[in-house]
Amino acid sequence: MTAEGFLEGRRLQMARGVMLQCIMGGYPPARFYGSDDGDLALIPDPTQIHRLPWSKQPRAFAICDADELTGESSNLSTRGQLKKVIKQYMDLGLKPVVATELEFFVFAPNSDPTQPFQPPVGLDGRREDGHSAFSVSSNNGLRPFFSEVYECMAALGLPRDTFMHEMGVSQFEINLLHGDALLLADQTFLFKHLLKEVALKHGLTVVCMAKPLAHTPGSSMHVHQSVIQADNGLNVFSDEAGEPTATFRHFIAGQQACMADFTALFAPNVNSYQRLCHPYASPNNACWSHDNRAAGLRIPASSPSARRVENRLPGADANPYLAIAVSLAAGLYGIEHKLEPSEPIQGEFNVPDNLSLPCTLHAALERLKRSQLARELFGNEFIEGYIASKTMELTSFLDEITPWERRVLAAQA
């Protein structure tokens, strides 16, 4: 939209079907978004209008809500779903607080998708070999890129906590500061857009796939969650003596009760499950533990005021609005129904059958299809539309024969 049109308050409208557009560009049948495929109104959030600092031509970016023309939020909007969950907390006098940890890879341009990604050539003329995890100098070869990333974050008002090199080859992680759940979803979304745009300026490719390289750790988007009293800001996960509360237990139990049904919402792509095949760095279970990274739900070591639950299931490819909404909705379900969690696990452990999660997109979608809980929490229209779109993507993947199949199976008798 032109700046003049935007400033005049001209309304931007978009077909409802676009909300269910799959990643290849197609759409499920119109019955999933209304046979007329009528319009939605895109309503900009006045707190999320940003001048884009990396663009030479003056441009702005507005995060919008997708509303029905009658004024209510569209059931197909993931941002709208998150706002509904936050309101449910507020109705109880509570407010969720979250933080996201986003991992990503920085690669050289990859014009041939049949070839593996490669790390870029750094300022020293060499490609990283993967021995720089947590090194203080590991991003020096990409200093111009990261310098502009930091500058753009500051210009957009994106506060960062820590930035580090992760375990993968040319893999990095940012921790965004904890805060309001909707704000953190907006910031995570905006940061991913920033990364891709700045990388293109520097002749690089940023990849937020869950598992872009074989034999290498994948990229997560861990979601840290706590809940405070809306009136005084006290963490309801800790009592006056600093001990865990019943609400804390109920929140964990709600996450455990919902994770298997909701796996397809946290892990939305075929590639998501490549990451989850690694049992330690990316736990595919609903176990919980105090500071054990093998558990899907980890309680980081912290002071009582910072007691929180880290959901380690979502990958970097997850929709931040949806992942946060689903995780918070699960916790609230446990609070409202006063559920009790399993016993915490420590050390090495075997995952009980009732705490294991689907390990393929097909299995996860089948579980989601059968979930009455998902429909209760997010509405039949959203769940049916999501399944329809993701089924199209899975079918598209299965329509191709992979290099592994040609390499390994062609010689079989």
Protein backbone atom coordinates (compact mmCIF):
# COMPACT_ATOMS: atom_id res chain seq x y z
CA MET A 1 0.00 0.00 0.00
CA THR A 2 1.24 3.53 -0.67
CA ALA A 3 2.22 5.63 2.32
CA GLU A 4 -0.46 8.14 1.34
CA GLY A 5 -3.18 5.48 1.31
CA PHE A 6 -2.03 4.10 4.64
CA LEU A 7 -1.93 7.52 6.33
CA GLU A 8 -5.40 8.32 4.98
CA GLY A 9 -6.68 5.26 6.80
CA ARG A 10 -7.64 3.40 3.65
CA ARG A 11 -8.69 -0.14 4.59
CA LEU A 12 -6.73 -3.02 3.13
CA GLN A 13 -8.73 -6.18 2.44
CA MET A 14 -7.62 -9.70 1.61
CA ALA A 15 -9.39 -12.91 0.60
CA ARG A 16 -10.06 -15.29 3.52
CA GLY A 17 -8.45 -18.13 1.61
CA VAL A 18 -5.03 -16.52 1.88
CA MET A 19 -5.03 -17.42 5.58
CA LEU A 20 -4.85 -21.10 4.57
CA GLN A 21 -2.43 -20.75 1.67
CA CYS A 22 0.04 -23.63 1.86
CA ILE A 23 3.79 -23.19 1.55
CA MET A 24 3.81 -24.24 -2.13
CA GLY A 25 1.29 -21.50 -2.93
CA GLY A 26 -1.90 -23.55 -3.36
CA TYR A 27 -5.11 -23.59 -1.38
CA PRO A 28 -7.33 -26.28 0.12
CA PRO A 29 -10.95 -26.49 -1.09
CA ALA A 30 -13.00 -23.34 -0.54
CA ARG A 31 -15.26 -25.04 2.02
CA PHE A 32 -12.44 -24.64 4.55
CA TYR A 33 -12.46 -20.84 4.37
CA GLY A 34 -15.97 -20.04 3.15
CA SER A 35 -17.30 -20.96 -0.26
CA ASP A 36 -17.63 -17.29 -1.27
CA ASP A 37 -13.96 -16.66 -0.34
CA GLY A 38 -14.97 -13.25 0.94
CA ASP A 39 -12.63 -10.59 2.26
CA LEU A 40 -11.00 -10.01 5.60
CA ALA A 41 -9.93 -6.55 6.77
CA LEU A 42 -6.27 -6.10 7.68
CA ILE A 43 -6.22 -3.77 10.70
CA PRO A 44 -2.74 -2.46 11.56
CA ASP A 45 -1.63 -2.62 15.17
CA PRO A 46 -0.56 0.98 15.91
CA THR A 47 2.25 -0.29 18.17
CA GLN A 48 3.69 -2.46 15.38
CA ILE A 49 4.32 -0.03 12.51
CA HIS A 50 8.01 0.12 11.70
CA ARG A 51 10.23 2.01 9.29
CA LEU A 52 12.50 -0.63 7.74
CA PRO A 53 16.09 0.46 8.42
CA TRP A 54 17.69 -1.91 5.89
CA SER A 55 15.73 -0.55 2.93
CA LYS A 56 17.30 2.23 0.82
CA GLN A 57 13.87 3.18 -0.49
CA PRO A 58 11.74 4.46 2.42
CA ARG A 59 9.45 1.63 3.40
CA ALA A 60 7.38 0.72 6.43
CA PHE A 61 6.10 -2.56 7.76
CA ALA A 62 2.81 -2.88 9.64
CA ILE A 63 1.76 -5.99 11.54
CA CYS A 64 -1.99 -6.36 11.16
CA ASP A 65 -4.87 -8.26 12.67
CA ALA A 66 -7.05 -10.16 10.22
CA ASP A 67 -10.64 -9.30 11.11
CA GLU A 68 -13.94 -10.27 9.59
CA LEU A 69 -15.75 -7.38 7.89
CA THR A 70 -18.24 -7.53 10.77
CA GLY A 71 -15.44 -6.53 13.15
CA GLU A 72 -14.59 -9.69 15.07
CA SER A 73 -11.25 -11.43 14.77
CA SER A 74 -11.03 -14.11 12.08
CA ASN A 75 -10.90 -17.65 13.46
CA LEU A 76 -8.26 -18.38 10.82
CA SER A 77 -5.82 -15.77 12.19
CA THR A 78 -3.01 -17.16 14.35
CA ARG A 79 -2.42 -13.70 15.85
CA GLY A 80 -6.13 -13.59 16.62
CA GLN A 81 -5.92 -17.01 18.28
CA LEU A 82 -3.10 -15.78 20.52
CA LYS A 83 -5.07 -12.68 21.51
CA LYS A 84 -8.02 -14.89 22.48
CA VAL A 85 -5.82 -17.04 24.71
CA ILE A 86 -4.33 -13.96 26.40
CA LYS A 87 -7.86 -12.64 27.06
CA GLN A 88 -8.79 -15.93 28.71
CA TYR A 89 -5.89 -15.44 31.13
CA MET A 90 -6.88 -11.81 31.73
CA ASP A 91 -10.44 -12.88 32.53
CA LEU A 92 -8.95 -14.83 35.45
CA GLY A 93 -6.82 -11.88 36.59
CA LEU A 94 -3.68 -13.45 35.09
CA LYS A 95 -1.19 -12.42 32.45
CA PRO A 96 1.18 -14.78 30.60
CA VAL A 97 4.82 -13.77 30.20
CA VAL A 98 6.97 -15.44 27.56
CA ALA A 99 10.39 -15.34 25.95
CA THR A 100 11.56 -17.07 22.79
CA GLU A 101 14.95 -18.55 21.90
CA LEU A 102 15.32 -18.65 18.13
CA GLU A 103 18.05 -20.63 16.39
CA PHE A 104 18.95 -20.16 12.72
CA PHE A 105 21.65 -20.96 10.17
CA VAL A 106 23.57 -18.49 8.02
CA PHE A 107 24.53 -20.06 4.68
CA ALA A 108 26.04 -19.12 1.37
CA PRO A 109 23.49 -18.69 -1.45
CA ASN A 110 22.07 -22.03 -2.54
CA SER A 111 20.79 -21.85 -6.11
CA ASP A 112 20.48 -25.64 -6.51
CA PRO A 113 18.16 -27.17 -3.90
CA THR A 114 19.44 -30.65 -4.73
CA GLN A 115 22.79 -29.67 -3.19
CA PRO A 116 23.41 -29.33 0.57
CA PHE A 117 23.69 -25.92 2.18
CA GLN A 118 27.20 -24.61 2.80
CA PRO A 119 28.47 -22.10 5.33
CA PRO A 120 29.47 -18.78 3.79
CA VAL A 121 33.02 -17.66 3.12
CA GLY A 122 34.01 -15.41 6.02
CA LEU A 123 36.27 -12.40 6.14
CA ASP A 124 39.24 -14.76 6.54
CA GLY A 125 38.44 -16.39 3.17
CA ARG A 126 37.44 -19.70 4.73
CA ARG A 127 34.22 -21.55 5.46
CA GLU A 128 33.46 -22.45 9.04
CA ASP A 129 34.10 -26.11 9.85
CA GLY A 130 31.76 -26.43 12.82
CA HIS A 131 34.15 -26.12 15.75
CA SER A 132 33.00 -22.71 16.95
CA ALA A 133 30.09 -23.51 19.25
CA PHE A 134 29.77 -20.87 22.01
CA SER A 135 33.00 -19.20 20.89
CA VAL A 136 33.34 -15.47 21.57
CA SER A 137 34.90 -14.99 18.13
CA SER A 138 32.76 -17.40 16.14
CA ASN A 139 30.81 -14.75 14.24
CA ASN A 140 33.79 -12.56 13.38
CA GLY A 141 33.82 -13.90 9.83
CA LEU A 142 30.27 -12.56 9.46
CA ARG A 143 30.87 -9.33 11.36
CA PRO A 144 29.40 -6.94 8.74
CA PHE A 145 26.20 -8.98 8.60
CA PHE A 146 25.75 -9.22 12.35
CA SER A 147 26.66 -5.56 12.86
CA GLU A 148 23.77 -4.56 10.61
CA VAL A 149 21.46 -7.07 12.30
CA TYR A 150 22.21 -5.43 15.67
CA GLU A 151 21.73 -1.94 14.23
CA CYS A 152 18.41 -2.88 12.66
CA MET A 153 17.20 -4.51 15.86
CA ALA A 154 17.95 -1.31 17.76
CA ALA A 155 16.19 0.78 15.11
CA LEU A 156 13.09 -1.44 15.32
CA GLY A 157 13.05 -1.47 19.12
CA LEU A 158 13.82 -5.18 19.38
CA PRO A 159 15.66 -5.70 22.67
CA ARG A 160 17.96 -8.70 22.71
CA ASP A 161 19.20 -10.62 25.69
CA THR A 162 21.99 -12.85 24.41
CA PHE A 163 23.34 -13.77 20.99
CA MET A 164 25.58 -16.80 20.56
CA HIS A 165 26.97 -19.35 18.15
CA GLU A 166 25.13 -22.64 18.49
CA MET A 167 26.34 -26.21 17.98
CA GLY A 168 25.68 -26.45 14.23
CA VAL A 169 27.92 -25.24 11.41
CA SER A 170 27.24 -21.51 11.05
CA GLN A 171 24.28 -21.84 13.42
CA PHE A 172 23.36 -19.02 15.80
CA GLU A 173 20.81 -18.31 18.52
CA ILE A 174 19.17 -15.19 19.86
CA ASN A 175 17.31 -14.93 23.15
CA LEU A 176 14.66 -12.23 23.12
CA LEU A 177 13.84 -10.53 26.44
CA HIS A 178 10.79 -11.92 28.23
CA GLY A 179 7.61 -9.89 28.23
CA ASP A 180 4.02 -9.68 27.02
CA ALA A 181 3.09 -12.76 24.99
CA LEU A 182 1.68 -10.89 21.98
CA LEU A 183 4.62 -8.50 21.91
CA LEU A 184 7.10 -11.39 21.94
CA ALA A 185 5.28 -13.13 19.10
CA ASP A 186 5.40 -9.90 17.08
CA GLN A 187 9.09 -9.43 17.89
CA THR A 188 9.96 -13.01 16.94
CA PHE A 189 8.08 -12.68 13.65
CA LEU A 190 9.69 -9.32 12.89
CA PHE A 191 13.16 -10.57 13.81
CA LYS A 192 12.90 -13.51 11.40
CA HIS A 193 11.87 -11.09 8.63
CA LEU A 194 14.78 -8.80 9.53
CA LEU A 195 17.27 -11.67 9.41
CA LYS A 196 16.26 -12.74 5.92
CA GLU A 197 16.25 -9.20 4.51
CA VAL A 198 19.62 -8.19 5.96
CA ALA A 199 21.17 -11.48 4.85
CA LEU A 200 20.14 -10.83 1.25
CA LYS A 201 21.89 -7.44 1.39
CA HIS A 202 25.09 -9.20 2.39
CA GLY A 203 24.88 -11.98 -0.18
CA LEU A 204 23.90 -14.54 2.45
CA THR A 205 20.98 -16.87 3.10
CA VAL A 206 19.38 -17.21 6.52
CA VAL A 207 17.51 -20.50 6.95
CA CYS A 208 14.95 -21.14 9.70
CA MET A 209 14.23 -24.73 8.70
CA ALA A 210 14.04 -27.07 11.65
CA LYS A 211 16.77 -29.34 10.22
CA PRO A 212 18.64 -27.92 7.20
CA LEU A 213 21.79 -30.08 7.55
CA ALA A 214 22.16 -33.82 8.08
CA HIS A 215 24.22 -35.03 11.05
CA THR A 216 23.93 -31.57 12.61
CA PRO A 217 21.67 -30.27 15.39
CA GLY A 218 18.49 -28.66 14.18
CA SER A 219 17.11 -25.23 15.00
CA SER A 220 14.57 -24.74 17.76
CA MET A 221 12.30 -21.98 18.98
CA HIS A 222 12.06 -22.77 22.67
CA VAL A 223 9.24 -20.92 24.42
CA HIS A 224 9.76 -19.87 28.06
CA GLN A 225 6.47 -19.31 29.91
CA SER A 226 5.43 -17.91 33.25
CA VAL A 227 2.20 -16.42 34.54
CA ILE A 228 1.83 -13.34 36.72
CA GLN A 229 -1.00 -11.69 38.62
CA ALA A 230 -2.28 -8.94 36.36
CA ASP A 231 -2.70 -6.47 39.24
CA ASN A 232 0.65 -6.81 41.04
CA GLY A 233 2.99 -8.66 38.66
CA LEU A 234 3.76 -11.50 41.09
CA ASN A 235 4.70 -14.84 39.55
CA VAL A 236 1.89 -17.29 40.38
CA PHE A 237 4.28 -20.22 39.92
CA SER A 238 5.94 -19.36 43.27
CA ASP A 239 4.42 -18.82 46.71
CA GLU A 240 5.52 -16.32 49.38
CA ALA A 241 8.15 -18.76 50.62
CA GLY A 242 9.56 -19.16 47.12
CA GLU A 243 8.24 -22.70 46.70
CA PRO A 244 6.40 -24.03 43.61
CA THR A 245 2.62 -23.57 43.73
CA ALA A 246 -0.28 -25.80 42.75
CA THR A 247 -0.82 -23.47 39.77
CA PHE A 248 2.71 -24.28 38.62
CA ARG A 249 1.97 -28.01 38.74
CA HIS A 250 -1.36 -27.56 36.96
CA PHE A 251 0.31 -25.54 34.19
CA ILE A 252 2.89 -28.29 33.59
CA ALA A 253 0.18 -30.95 33.62
CA GLY A 254 -1.86 -29.05 31.05
CA GLN A 255 1.15 -28.94 28.75
CA GLN A 256 1.66 -32.66 29.20
CA ALA A 257 -2.01 -33.43 28.53
CA CYS A 258 -2.06 -31.46 25.27
CA MET A 259 1.37 -31.88 23.65
CA ALA A 260 0.63 -35.05 21.70
CA ASP A 261 -2.63 -33.67 20.31
CA PHE A 262 -0.94 -30.37 19.43
CA THR A 263 2.37 -31.65 18.00
CA ALA A 264 1.37 -30.75 14.43
CA LEU A 265 0.81 -27.15 15.57
CA PHE A 266 4.29 -26.96 17.13
CA ALA A 267 6.03 -28.95 14.37
CA PRO A 268 4.26 -27.87 11.16
CA ASN A 269 6.45 -29.28 8.38
CA VAL A 270 7.83 -32.61 7.16
CA ASN A 271 11.31 -31.32 8.00
CA SER A 272 10.23 -30.54 11.59
CA TYR A 273 10.38 -34.24 12.40
CA GLN A 274 13.91 -34.58 11.06
CA ARG A 275 14.91 -32.33 13.95
CA LEU A 276 12.85 -34.33 16.43
CA CYS A 277 14.58 -37.59 15.48
CA HIS A 278 17.51 -36.46 17.65
CA PRO A 279 16.51 -37.59 21.13
CA TYR A 280 18.64 -35.20 23.21
CA ALA A 281 19.01 -31.80 21.59
CA SER A 282 15.39 -31.87 20.40
CA PRO A 283 13.31 -33.96 22.81
CA ASN A 284 10.13 -35.36 21.29
CA ASN A 285 8.35 -36.12 24.54
CA ALA A 286 6.02 -34.60 27.13
CA CYS A 287 8.18 -35.43 30.13
CA TRP A 288 9.16 -32.64 32.50
CA SER A 289 12.29 -32.10 34.49
CA HIS A 290 14.29 -29.63 36.52
CA ASP A 291 17.06 -28.42 34.19
CA ASN A 292 17.27 -31.56 32.02
CA ARG A 293 17.48 -30.76 28.31
CA ALA A 294 16.30 -34.25 27.39
CA ALA A 295 12.80 -33.38 28.60
CA GLY A 296 10.26 -31.72 26.35
CA LEU A 297 9.27 -29.51 29.28
CA ARG A 298 12.28 -28.13 31.14
CA ILE A 299 12.24 -26.04 34.31
CA PRO A 300 15.38 -23.88 34.04
CA ALA A 301 17.35 -23.13 37.19
CA SER A 302 16.13 -19.73 38.37
CA SER A 303 15.04 -17.61 41.30
CA PRO A 304 11.43 -18.07 42.53
CA SER A 305 10.38 -14.82 40.86
CA ALA A 306 11.63 -16.14 37.51
CA ARG A 307 10.22 -19.68 37.82
CA ARG A 308 9.06 -20.71 34.36
CA VAL A 309 8.34 -23.63 32.04
CA GLU A 310 10.39 -24.02 28.87
CA ASN A 311 8.57 -25.79 26.03
CA ARG A 312 11.38 -27.31 23.94
CA LEU A 313 9.20 -28.88 21.24
CA PRO A 314 8.73 -26.00 18.73
CA GLY A 315 11.31 -25.64 15.98
CA ALA A 316 12.53 -22.47 14.29
CA ASP A 317 10.02 -23.20 11.52
CA ALA A 318 7.03 -22.87 13.87
CA ASN A 319 4.63 -19.95 13.55
CA PRO A 320 5.48 -17.90 16.69
CA TYR A 321 1.89 -16.72 17.17
CA LEU A 322 0.53 -20.24 16.94
CA ALA A 323 3.26 -21.93 18.99
CA ILE A 324 2.88 -19.43 21.84
CA ALA A 325 -0.93 -19.53 21.68
CA VAL A 326 -1.04 -23.33 21.73
CA SER A 327 1.49 -23.66 24.55
CA LEU A 328 -0.26 -21.07 26.72
CA ALA A 329 -3.67 -22.58 25.99
CA ALA A 330 -2.39 -25.97 27.12
CA GLY A 331 -1.09 -24.50 30.38
CA LEU A 332 -4.37 -22.69 31.02
CA TYR A 333 -6.28 -25.91 30.36
CA GLY A 334 -4.28 -27.55 33.15
CA ILE A 335 -4.86 -24.63 35.52
CA GLU A 336 -8.61 -24.54 34.92
CA HIS A 337 -9.01 -28.32 35.28
CA LYS A 338 -6.50 -28.59 38.16
CA LEU A 339 -4.57 -31.36 36.41
CA GLU A 340 -1.59 -32.97 38.10
CA PRO A 341 1.66 -33.70 36.23
CA SER A 342 3.66 -36.89 36.13
CA GLU A 343 6.69 -37.24 38.36
CA PRO A 344 9.67 -35.19 37.12
CA ILE A 345 12.46 -37.12 35.44
CA GLN A 346 16.21 -36.63 35.89
CA GLY A 347 19.29 -38.07 34.24
CA GLU A 348 18.93 -40.58 31.43
CA PHE A 349 15.43 -41.97 31.08
CA ASN A 350 13.07 -43.92 28.87
CA VAL A 351 9.99 -42.06 27.71
CA PRO A 352 6.75 -43.66 28.95
CA ASP A 353 4.29 -44.50 26.18
CA ASN A 354 1.74 -42.02 27.49
CA LEU A 355 4.28 -39.18 27.23
CA SER A 356 5.63 -39.94 23.76
CA LEU A 357 4.67 -37.72 20.84
CA PRO A 358 3.97 -38.30 17.12
CA CYS A 359 7.21 -38.64 15.18
CA THR A 360 6.03 -37.83 11.63
CA LEU A 361 3.84 -35.11 10.18
CA HIS A 362 1.36 -37.75 9.02
CA ALA A 363 1.03 -39.19 12.53
CA ALA A 364 0.78 -35.72 14.06
CA LEU A 365 -1.99 -34.67 11.68
CA GLU A 366 -3.90 -37.89 12.34
CA ARG A 367 -3.65 -37.19 16.08
CA LEU A 368 -4.85 -33.62 15.54
CA LYS A 369 -7.81 -34.85 13.46
CA ARG A 370 -8.99 -36.97 16.40
CA SER A 371 -8.50 -34.22 18.99
CA GLN A 372 -11.72 -32.85 20.40
CA LEU A 373 -9.61 -30.78 22.78
CA ALA A 374 -7.96 -28.91 19.90
CA ARG A 375 -11.37 -28.07 18.45
CA GLU A 376 -12.62 -26.97 21.85
CA LEU A 377 -9.68 -24.61 22.40
CA PHE A 378 -9.16 -23.23 18.88
CA GLY A 379 -12.43 -23.85 17.05
CA ASN A 380 -13.40 -26.35 14.41
CA GLU A 381 -12.88 -23.88 11.55
CA PHE A 382 -9.24 -23.24 12.43
CA ILE A 383 -8.33 -26.88 13.10
CA GLU A 384 -10.05 -28.20 9.96
CA GLY A 385 -8.44 -25.49 7.82
CA TYR A 386 -5.00 -26.09 9.29
CA ILE A 387 -5.22 -29.84 8.71
CA ALA A 388 -6.39 -29.28 5.13
CA SER A 389 -3.48 -26.97 4.33
CA LYS A 390 -0.87 -29.18 5.98
CA THR A 391 -2.26 -32.29 4.28
CA MET A 392 -1.71 -30.58 0.92
CA GLU A 393 1.91 -29.89 1.89
CA LEU A 394 2.47 -33.48 3.01
CA THR A 395 0.97 -34.79 -0.23
CA SER A 396 3.25 -32.50 -2.25
CA PHE A 397 6.28 -33.87 -0.39
CA LEU A 398 5.22 -37.47 -0.99
CA ASP A 399 4.81 -36.72 -4.71
CA GLU A 400 8.61 -36.38 -5.01
CA ILE A 401 11.27 -39.09 -4.94
CA THR A 402 14.22 -38.11 -2.78
CA PRO A 403 17.93 -38.54 -3.63
CA TRP A 404 18.20 -41.10 -0.80
CA GLU A 405 15.59 -43.31 -2.47
CA ARG A 406 17.37 -43.15 -5.84
CA ARG A 407 20.79 -43.68 -4.29
CA VAL A 408 19.94 -46.54 -1.92
CA LEU A 409 16.91 -48.31 -3.36
CA ALA A 410 17.54 -48.26 -7.11
CA ALA A 411 20.08 -51.08 -6.90
CA GLN A 412 17.84 -53.35 -4.86
CA ALA A 413 16.57 -56.50 -6.55
